[in-house]
Amino acid sequence: MVLALLTLTSAQLFDLGTFVRMIDGHGLSAEANPLVHFLAVDFGVQFVAVVKIVALSLVVSVIAVLASRASSRHAALIGGVFTIAIVAGLVGGWSNAAVIL
């Protein structure tokens, strides 16, 4: 569980880090996610970073609550949440990195 949480956090921070670097070098027009673009334009990049950290905290909290109810039914749900969150972070980070490079 600890390794999965570290992987999840690393993937999401990879996305955030590459987003900040991409925006610094290419401007907000380089952001492909319309929701992130809207938030960054209307509220600023710092707001997007705070939202990202809050969303990451929410996902980790949901996983912790599900894990505390140790049931085989919850195990599949926990695995699904981990998978989606890790893949989302990696896809976002890689797409940002592709723009940077």
N, C-alpha and C. Protein backbone atom coordinates (compact mmCIF):
# COMPACT_ATOMS: atom_id res chain seq x y z
N MET A 1 0.82 -1.19 0.00
CA MET A 1 0.00 0.00 0.00
C MET A 1 0.87 1.26 0.00
N VAL A 2 1.95 1.25 0.78
CA VAL A 2 2.83 2.42 0.85
C VAL A 2 3.47 2.69 -0.50
N LEU A 3 3.94 1.64 -1.17
CA LEU A 3 4.56 1.81 -2.49
C LEU A 3 3.55 2.37 -3.49
N ALA A 4 2.33 1.88 -3.45
CA ALA A 4 1.29 2.38 -4.35
C ALA A 4 1.00 3.85 -4.08
N LEU A 5 0.95 4.24 -2.80
CA LEU A 5 0.71 5.65 -2.47
C LEU A 5 1.86 6.53 -2.92
N LEU A 6 3.09 6.04 -2.77
CA LEU A 6 4.25 6.81 -3.24
C LEU A 6 4.24 6.94 -4.77
N THR A 7 3.84 5.88 -5.45
CA THR A 7 3.76 5.92 -6.91
C THR A 7 2.69 6.90 -7.36
N LEU A 8 1.55 6.85 -6.70
CA LEU A 8 0.44 7.76 -7.01
C LEU A 8 0.87 9.21 -6.80
N THR A 9 1.46 9.49 -5.67
CA THR A 9 1.91 10.85 -5.36
C THR A 9 2.98 11.31 -6.35
N SER A 10 3.92 10.45 -6.66
CA SER A 10 4.98 10.79 -7.62
C SER A 10 4.40 11.09 -9.00
N ALA A 11 3.46 10.29 -9.45
CA ALA A 11 2.86 10.50 -10.77
C ALA A 11 2.13 11.84 -10.82
N GLN A 12 1.38 12.16 -9.77
CA GLN A 12 0.65 13.42 -9.75
C GLN A 12 1.58 14.62 -9.64
N LEU A 13 2.65 14.49 -8.86
CA LEU A 13 3.60 15.59 -8.75
C LEU A 13 4.43 15.74 -10.03
N PHE A 14 4.66 14.63 -10.74
CA PHE A 14 5.29 14.69 -12.06
C PHE A 14 4.42 15.53 -13.01
N ASP A 15 3.13 15.31 -12.98
CA ASP A 15 2.19 16.08 -13.79
C ASP A 15 2.25 17.56 -13.42
N LEU A 16 2.20 17.84 -12.13
CA LEU A 16 2.24 19.24 -11.67
C LEU A 16 3.57 19.91 -12.04
N GLY A 17 4.67 19.23 -11.81
CA GLY A 17 5.97 19.81 -12.11
C GLY A 17 6.16 20.10 -13.59
N THR A 18 5.77 19.16 -14.42
CA THR A 18 5.92 19.38 -15.87
C THR A 18 4.94 20.45 -16.36
N PHE A 19 3.78 20.55 -15.71
CA PHE A 19 2.82 21.61 -16.06
C PHE A 19 3.44 22.99 -15.81
N VAL A 20 4.01 23.16 -14.62
CA VAL A 20 4.62 24.45 -14.27
C VAL A 20 5.76 24.77 -15.22
N ARG A 21 6.59 23.78 -15.52
CA ARG A 21 7.72 24.00 -16.45
C ARG A 21 7.23 24.32 -17.86
N MET A 22 6.18 23.62 -18.30
CA MET A 22 5.62 23.84 -19.64
C MET A 22 5.04 25.25 -19.75
N ILE A 23 4.29 25.66 -18.75
CA ILE A 23 3.69 26.99 -18.76
C ILE A 23 4.77 28.08 -18.76
N ASP A 24 5.83 27.85 -18.02
CA ASP A 24 6.93 28.81 -17.96
C ASP A 24 7.58 29.00 -19.33
N GLY A 25 7.71 27.91 -20.06
CA GLY A 25 8.39 27.99 -21.35
C GLY A 25 7.50 28.25 -22.55
N HIS A 26 6.23 27.84 -22.47
CA HIS A 26 5.38 27.90 -23.65
C HIS A 26 4.07 28.67 -23.44
N GLY A 27 3.80 29.09 -22.24
CA GLY A 27 2.58 29.84 -21.97
C GLY A 27 1.38 28.93 -21.75
N LEU A 28 0.29 29.52 -21.29
CA LEU A 28 -0.92 28.75 -20.97
C LEU A 28 -1.58 28.13 -22.19
N SER A 29 -1.32 28.66 -23.35
CA SER A 29 -1.94 28.09 -24.56
C SER A 29 -1.46 26.67 -24.84
N ALA A 30 -0.36 26.26 -24.22
CA ALA A 30 0.17 24.91 -24.43
C ALA A 30 -0.60 23.86 -23.63
N GLU A 31 -1.39 24.26 -22.65
CA GLU A 31 -2.13 23.31 -21.82
C GLU A 31 -3.28 22.69 -22.62
N ALA A 32 -3.29 21.36 -22.70
CA ALA A 32 -4.29 20.65 -23.48
C ALA A 32 -5.58 20.38 -22.71
N ASN A 33 -5.52 20.36 -21.39
CA ASN A 33 -6.71 20.09 -20.58
C ASN A 33 -7.51 21.38 -20.45
N PRO A 34 -8.73 21.42 -21.00
CA PRO A 34 -9.50 22.67 -20.97
C PRO A 34 -9.86 23.13 -19.55
N LEU A 35 -10.08 22.20 -18.64
CA LEU A 35 -10.41 22.58 -17.26
C LEU A 35 -9.21 23.25 -16.59
N VAL A 36 -8.04 22.66 -16.73
CA VAL A 36 -6.82 23.23 -16.15
C VAL A 36 -6.52 24.58 -16.80
N HIS A 37 -6.69 24.66 -18.10
CA HIS A 37 -6.46 25.92 -18.82
C HIS A 37 -7.38 27.01 -18.29
N PHE A 38 -8.66 26.69 -18.15
CA PHE A 38 -9.64 27.65 -17.63
C PHE A 38 -9.25 28.12 -16.22
N LEU A 39 -8.92 27.18 -15.34
CA LEU A 39 -8.55 27.53 -13.97
C LEU A 39 -7.30 28.41 -13.94
N ALA A 40 -6.31 28.07 -14.77
CA ALA A 40 -5.07 28.84 -14.79
C ALA A 40 -5.29 30.25 -15.33
N VAL A 41 -6.11 30.38 -16.35
CA VAL A 41 -6.38 31.70 -16.93
C VAL A 41 -7.17 32.56 -15.96
N ASP A 42 -8.21 31.98 -15.37
CA ASP A 42 -9.09 32.76 -14.50
C ASP A 42 -8.56 32.98 -13.09
N PHE A 43 -7.80 32.02 -12.56
CA PHE A 43 -7.39 32.10 -11.16
C PHE A 43 -5.88 32.08 -10.93
N GLY A 44 -5.12 31.75 -11.95
CA GLY A 44 -3.67 31.74 -11.83
C GLY A 44 -3.09 30.35 -11.64
N VAL A 45 -1.82 30.24 -11.95
CA VAL A 45 -1.12 28.96 -11.88
C VAL A 45 -1.00 28.48 -10.43
N GLN A 46 -0.85 29.40 -9.49
CA GLN A 46 -0.77 29.01 -8.08
C GLN A 46 -2.06 28.32 -7.64
N PHE A 47 -3.19 28.81 -8.11
CA PHE A 47 -4.48 28.20 -7.77
C PHE A 47 -4.54 26.77 -8.32
N VAL A 48 -4.06 26.58 -9.54
CA VAL A 48 -4.04 25.24 -10.14
C VAL A 48 -3.18 24.31 -9.29
N ALA A 49 -2.05 24.78 -8.81
CA ALA A 49 -1.18 23.96 -7.97
C ALA A 49 -1.89 23.58 -6.67
N VAL A 50 -2.58 24.53 -6.06
CA VAL A 50 -3.32 24.24 -4.82
C VAL A 50 -4.43 23.23 -5.09
N VAL A 51 -5.16 23.40 -6.18
CA VAL A 51 -6.23 22.47 -6.53
C VAL A 51 -5.67 21.07 -6.75
N LYS A 52 -4.53 20.98 -7.40
CA LYS A 52 -3.89 19.69 -7.65
C LYS A 52 -3.53 18.99 -6.33
N ILE A 53 -2.96 19.73 -5.40
CA ILE A 53 -2.58 19.17 -4.10
C ILE A 53 -3.83 18.76 -3.31
N VAL A 54 -4.87 19.58 -3.35
CA VAL A 54 -6.12 19.24 -2.65
C VAL A 54 -6.76 17.99 -3.27
N ALA A 55 -6.77 17.91 -4.60
CA ALA A 55 -7.33 16.73 -5.26
C ALA A 55 -6.53 15.48 -4.92
N LEU A 56 -5.22 15.60 -4.88
CA LEU A 56 -4.36 14.48 -4.50
C LEU A 56 -4.66 14.05 -3.07
N SER A 57 -4.82 15.00 -2.18
CA SER A 57 -5.16 14.69 -0.78
C SER A 57 -6.51 14.00 -0.68
N LEU A 58 -7.46 14.43 -1.48
CA LEU A 58 -8.80 13.81 -1.47
C LEU A 58 -8.72 12.36 -1.94
N VAL A 59 -7.99 12.11 -3.01
CA VAL A 59 -7.85 10.75 -3.53
C VAL A 59 -7.17 9.85 -2.51
N VAL A 60 -6.11 10.34 -1.88
CA VAL A 60 -5.42 9.55 -0.86
C VAL A 60 -6.34 9.28 0.32
N SER A 61 -7.15 10.26 0.70
CA SER A 61 -8.11 10.08 1.80
C SER A 61 -9.16 9.03 1.46
N VAL A 62 -9.67 9.07 0.25
CA VAL A 62 -10.66 8.07 -0.17
C VAL A 62 -10.05 6.67 -0.12
N ILE A 63 -8.83 6.55 -0.59
CA ILE A 63 -8.14 5.25 -0.55
C ILE A 63 -7.97 4.80 0.90
N ALA A 64 -7.59 5.71 1.78
CA ALA A 64 -7.40 5.35 3.19
C ALA A 64 -8.70 4.87 3.83
N VAL A 65 -9.79 5.54 3.53
CA VAL A 65 -11.09 5.13 4.08
C VAL A 65 -11.48 3.76 3.54
N LEU A 66 -11.31 3.56 2.25
CA LEU A 66 -11.65 2.25 1.67
C LEU A 66 -10.76 1.15 2.24
N ALA A 67 -9.49 1.45 2.43
CA ALA A 67 -8.56 0.45 2.96
C ALA A 67 -8.88 0.10 4.41
N SER A 68 -9.41 1.05 5.15
CA SER A 68 -9.74 0.78 6.55
C SER A 68 -10.94 -0.16 6.69
N ARG A 69 -11.68 -0.31 5.63
CA ARG A 69 -12.85 -1.19 5.64
C ARG A 69 -12.51 -2.55 5.03
N ALA A 70 -11.30 -2.95 5.11
CA ALA A 70 -10.72 -4.19 4.56
C ALA A 70 -11.75 -5.23 4.15
N SER A 71 -12.20 -5.13 2.95
CA SER A 71 -13.15 -6.08 2.38
C SER A 71 -12.68 -6.40 0.97
N SER A 72 -12.96 -7.59 0.53
CA SER A 72 -12.52 -7.97 -0.83
C SER A 72 -13.21 -7.10 -1.88
N ARG A 73 -14.40 -6.65 -1.58
CA ARG A 73 -15.12 -5.77 -2.52
C ARG A 73 -14.39 -4.43 -2.65
N HIS A 74 -13.84 -3.94 -1.54
CA HIS A 74 -13.14 -2.67 -1.57
C HIS A 74 -11.75 -2.80 -2.20
N ALA A 75 -11.17 -3.96 -2.16
CA ALA A 75 -9.83 -4.15 -2.73
C ALA A 75 -9.82 -3.82 -4.22
N ALA A 76 -10.82 -4.27 -4.94
CA ALA A 76 -10.90 -3.98 -6.38
C ALA A 76 -11.12 -2.49 -6.61
N LEU A 77 -11.93 -1.87 -5.78
CA LEU A 77 -12.18 -0.44 -5.92
C LEU A 77 -10.92 0.36 -5.63
N ILE A 78 -10.19 -0.02 -4.59
CA ILE A 78 -8.93 0.64 -4.25
C ILE A 78 -7.94 0.52 -5.41
N GLY A 79 -7.83 -0.68 -5.96
CA GLY A 79 -6.94 -0.88 -7.11
C GLY A 79 -7.34 -0.03 -8.30
N GLY A 80 -8.64 0.10 -8.52
CA GLY A 80 -9.13 0.94 -9.63
C GLY A 80 -8.81 2.41 -9.42
N VAL A 81 -9.01 2.90 -8.20
CA VAL A 81 -8.70 4.30 -7.90
C VAL A 81 -7.20 4.55 -8.06
N PHE A 82 -6.38 3.65 -7.54
CA PHE A 82 -4.92 3.77 -7.71
C PHE A 82 -4.57 3.83 -9.20
N THR A 83 -5.09 2.89 -9.95
CA THR A 83 -4.76 2.79 -11.38
C THR A 83 -5.14 4.05 -12.13
N ILE A 84 -6.34 4.53 -11.93
CA ILE A 84 -6.81 5.72 -12.64
C ILE A 84 -5.97 6.94 -12.26
N ALA A 85 -5.69 7.11 -10.97
CA ALA A 85 -4.93 8.28 -10.52
C ALA A 85 -3.48 8.24 -11.02
N ILE A 86 -2.88 7.06 -11.01
CA ILE A 86 -1.50 6.94 -11.48
C ILE A 86 -1.43 7.17 -12.98
N VAL A 87 -2.31 6.55 -13.73
CA VAL A 87 -2.32 6.72 -15.19
C VAL A 87 -2.60 8.17 -15.56
N ALA A 88 -3.54 8.81 -14.86
CA ALA A 88 -3.85 10.22 -15.16
C ALA A 88 -2.62 11.10 -14.93
N GLY A 89 -1.90 10.87 -13.84
CA GLY A 89 -0.70 11.66 -13.57
C GLY A 89 0.38 11.43 -14.61
N LEU A 90 0.58 10.17 -14.99
CA LEU A 90 1.62 9.86 -15.98
C LEU A 90 1.27 10.41 -17.37
N VAL A 91 0.01 10.26 -17.77
CA VAL A 91 -0.40 10.78 -19.08
C VAL A 91 -0.27 12.30 -19.11
N GLY A 92 -0.72 12.96 -18.05
CA GLY A 92 -0.59 14.41 -17.99
C GLY A 92 0.87 14.85 -18.00
N GLY A 93 1.69 14.18 -17.21
CA GLY A 93 3.10 14.53 -17.16
C GLY A 93 3.81 14.29 -18.48
N TRP A 94 3.51 13.16 -19.11
CA TRP A 94 4.17 12.86 -20.39
C TRP A 94 3.71 13.82 -21.49
N SER A 95 2.43 14.19 -21.48
CA SER A 95 1.98 15.14 -22.51
C SER A 95 2.62 16.51 -22.30
N ASN A 96 2.78 16.91 -21.03
CA ASN A 96 3.48 18.16 -20.74
C ASN A 96 4.94 18.07 -21.16
N ALA A 97 5.59 16.95 -20.85
CA ALA A 97 6.99 16.76 -21.20
C ALA A 97 7.19 16.78 -22.71
N ALA A 98 6.23 16.23 -23.45
CA ALA A 98 6.33 16.22 -24.91
C ALA A 98 6.31 17.64 -25.46
N VAL A 99 5.54 18.52 -24.85
CA VAL A 99 5.51 19.92 -25.28
C VAL A 99 6.82 20.61 -24.93
N ILE A 100 7.34 20.32 -23.74
CA ILE A 100 8.59 20.94 -23.28
C ILE A 100 9.74 20.57 -24.22
N LEU A 101 9.80 19.28 -24.60
CA LEU A 101 10.89 18.82 -25.44
C LEU A 101 10.62 19.16 -26.87
